N, C-alpha and C. Protein backbone atom coordinates (compact mmCIF):
# COMPACT_ATOMS: atom_id res chain seq x y z
N MET A 1 13.83 77.38 -34.74
CA MET A 1 15.08 78.02 -33.83
C MET A 1 16.58 77.16 -34.26
N ASN A 2 17.04 77.57 -34.56
CA ASN A 2 18.82 77.04 -35.20
C ASN A 2 19.61 76.78 -33.60
N ARG A 3 19.92 75.48 -33.58
CA ARG A 3 20.05 75.04 -32.43
C ARG A 3 21.59 74.90 -33.04
N ILE A 4 22.77 75.21 -32.31
CA ILE A 4 24.36 75.35 -32.49
C ILE A 4 24.79 73.81 -31.51
N ILE A 5 24.46 73.07 -30.46
CA ILE A 5 24.38 72.06 -30.09
C ILE A 5 23.32 71.37 -29.38
N ASP A 6 22.45 70.12 -30.76
CA ASP A 6 22.42 69.52 -30.07
C ASP A 6 21.95 68.41 -28.97
N LEU A 7 22.04 69.31 -27.78
CA LEU A 7 22.17 68.58 -26.45
C LEU A 7 21.35 67.42 -26.18
N GLY A 8 20.11 67.47 -27.14
CA GLY A 8 19.60 65.64 -26.89
C GLY A 8 20.28 64.57 -27.28
N LYS A 9 20.44 64.89 -28.83
CA LYS A 9 21.36 63.87 -29.18
C LYS A 9 22.48 63.55 -28.86
N TYR A 10 23.89 63.98 -27.78
CA TYR A 10 24.58 63.56 -27.15
C TYR A 10 23.86 63.00 -25.73
N ILE A 11 23.06 63.67 -24.89
CA ILE A 11 22.67 63.00 -24.02
C ILE A 11 21.68 61.60 -24.31
N GLU A 12 21.20 61.15 -25.55
CA GLU A 12 20.69 60.14 -26.08
C GLU A 12 21.95 58.99 -26.26
N ILE A 13 23.40 59.24 -26.62
CA ILE A 13 24.18 58.45 -27.43
C ILE A 13 25.37 58.49 -26.38
N GLY A 14 25.11 59.18 -24.68
CA GLY A 14 25.92 58.72 -23.61
C GLY A 14 24.88 57.96 -22.86
N ILE A 15 23.59 57.74 -22.92
CA ILE A 15 22.66 57.11 -22.11
C ILE A 15 23.41 55.26 -22.76
N ASN A 16 22.30 55.78 -24.08
CA ASN A 16 22.74 54.58 -24.97
C ASN A 16 24.25 53.89 -24.80
N TRP A 17 25.49 54.08 -24.88
CA TRP A 17 26.84 53.85 -24.58
C TRP A 17 26.84 53.37 -22.97
N LEU A 18 25.88 53.75 -21.63
CA LEU A 18 25.81 53.55 -20.41
C LEU A 18 25.45 51.93 -20.51
N GLU A 19 24.37 52.14 -21.35
CA GLU A 19 23.16 50.81 -20.97
C GLU A 19 24.20 49.89 -21.87
N ARG A 20 24.62 49.89 -22.74
CA ARG A 20 25.71 48.86 -23.69
C ARG A 20 26.75 48.25 -22.77
N ASN A 21 27.42 49.22 -22.29
CA ASN A 21 28.76 49.02 -21.16
C ASN A 21 28.58 48.58 -20.00
N PHE A 22 27.67 49.10 -19.29
CA PHE A 22 27.48 48.94 -17.86
C PHE A 22 26.02 48.32 -17.35
N SER A 23 25.71 47.23 -18.36
CA SER A 23 24.56 46.33 -18.23
C SER A 23 23.90 45.52 -16.80
N PHE A 24 25.46 44.80 -16.17
CA PHE A 24 25.95 44.69 -15.52
C PHE A 24 25.26 45.15 -14.36
N LEU A 25 26.26 46.89 -14.04
CA LEU A 25 26.16 47.87 -12.52
C LEU A 25 24.09 47.33 -12.68
N TRP A 26 23.64 47.96 -13.39
CA TRP A 26 22.18 48.52 -13.87
C TRP A 26 21.22 47.10 -13.43
N GLY A 27 21.93 46.29 -13.77
CA GLY A 27 21.09 44.59 -12.81
C GLY A 27 21.26 44.67 -11.39
N ALA A 28 22.71 45.12 -11.22
CA ALA A 28 22.80 44.73 -9.98
C ALA A 28 21.81 45.77 -8.75
N ILE A 29 22.35 46.90 -9.54
CA ILE A 29 21.84 48.28 -8.80
C ILE A 29 19.78 47.73 -8.45
N ASP A 30 19.65 47.36 -9.55
CA ASP A 30 18.03 47.13 -9.42
C ASP A 30 17.83 45.56 -8.74
N ASP A 31 18.71 44.40 -8.74
CA ASP A 31 18.11 43.45 -7.74
C ASP A 31 18.61 43.77 -6.30
N SER A 32 19.16 44.97 -5.93
CA SER A 32 19.44 45.45 -4.68
C SER A 32 18.63 46.50 -4.16
N ILE A 33 18.09 47.07 -4.98
CA ILE A 33 16.68 48.11 -5.09
C ILE A 33 15.35 46.99 -4.85
N SER A 34 15.52 45.92 -5.60
CA SER A 34 14.25 45.33 -4.95
C SER A 34 14.07 44.33 -4.10
N TRP A 35 15.55 43.74 -3.45
CA TRP A 35 15.41 43.09 -2.47
C TRP A 35 15.48 43.75 -1.21
N THR A 36 15.71 45.02 -1.23
CA THR A 36 15.81 45.86 0.15
C THR A 36 14.27 46.71 -0.20
N VAL A 37 13.30 47.04 -0.99
CA VAL A 37 11.97 46.97 -0.89
C VAL A 37 11.34 46.15 -0.35
N ASN A 38 11.40 44.82 -1.01
CA ASN A 38 10.74 43.95 -0.20
C ASN A 38 10.81 43.20 0.98
N ILE A 39 12.38 43.41 1.73
CA ILE A 39 12.54 43.27 3.22
C ILE A 39 11.90 43.98 3.68
N MET A 40 11.75 45.50 3.34
CA MET A 40 10.83 46.15 4.37
C MET A 40 9.52 46.13 4.16
N ASN A 41 8.88 45.65 2.96
CA ASN A 41 7.24 45.51 2.66
C ASN A 41 7.19 44.33 3.46
N ASP A 42 8.35 43.31 3.79
CA ASP A 42 7.70 42.16 4.41
C ASP A 42 7.62 42.35 6.76
N LEU A 43 8.92 43.39 6.32
CA LEU A 43 9.09 44.01 8.21
C LEU A 43 7.59 45.19 8.22
N LEU A 44 7.14 45.70 7.29
CA LEU A 44 6.07 46.39 7.74
C LEU A 44 5.12 45.72 7.78
N LEU A 45 5.21 44.76 7.05
CA LEU A 45 3.26 43.79 7.04
C LEU A 45 3.59 42.42 8.32
N SER A 46 4.63 43.02 8.98
CA SER A 46 4.57 41.30 10.10
C SER A 46 4.52 42.16 10.93
N ILE A 47 4.26 43.80 11.33
CA ILE A 47 3.96 44.28 12.44
C ILE A 47 2.73 43.90 13.08
N PRO A 48 2.20 43.64 13.88
CA PRO A 48 0.60 43.64 14.39
C PRO A 48 -0.31 44.34 13.86
N PHE A 49 -1.08 44.27 13.59
CA PHE A 49 -2.15 45.52 13.27
C PHE A 49 -3.02 46.15 13.82
N GLY A 50 -2.70 45.43 15.60
CA GLY A 50 -3.45 46.06 16.77
C GLY A 50 -2.19 47.47 17.37
N ALA A 51 -0.82 46.97 16.31
CA ALA A 51 0.29 48.01 17.57
C ALA A 51 -0.17 49.62 16.57
N PHE A 52 -0.69 49.66 15.71
CA PHE A 52 -1.29 50.70 15.23
C PHE A 52 -2.83 51.43 15.78
């Protein structure tokens, strides 16, 4: 099949550009999500077993 626009190539170029130029942002997002999940995990584990 002949493709007029190779969409996968352009998506890959765009994602690589985002990774190069905004890596600090992805790190901050990753850290904040990890912190939120850890806090929720600690909170849920602190509930006594008898409450269920």
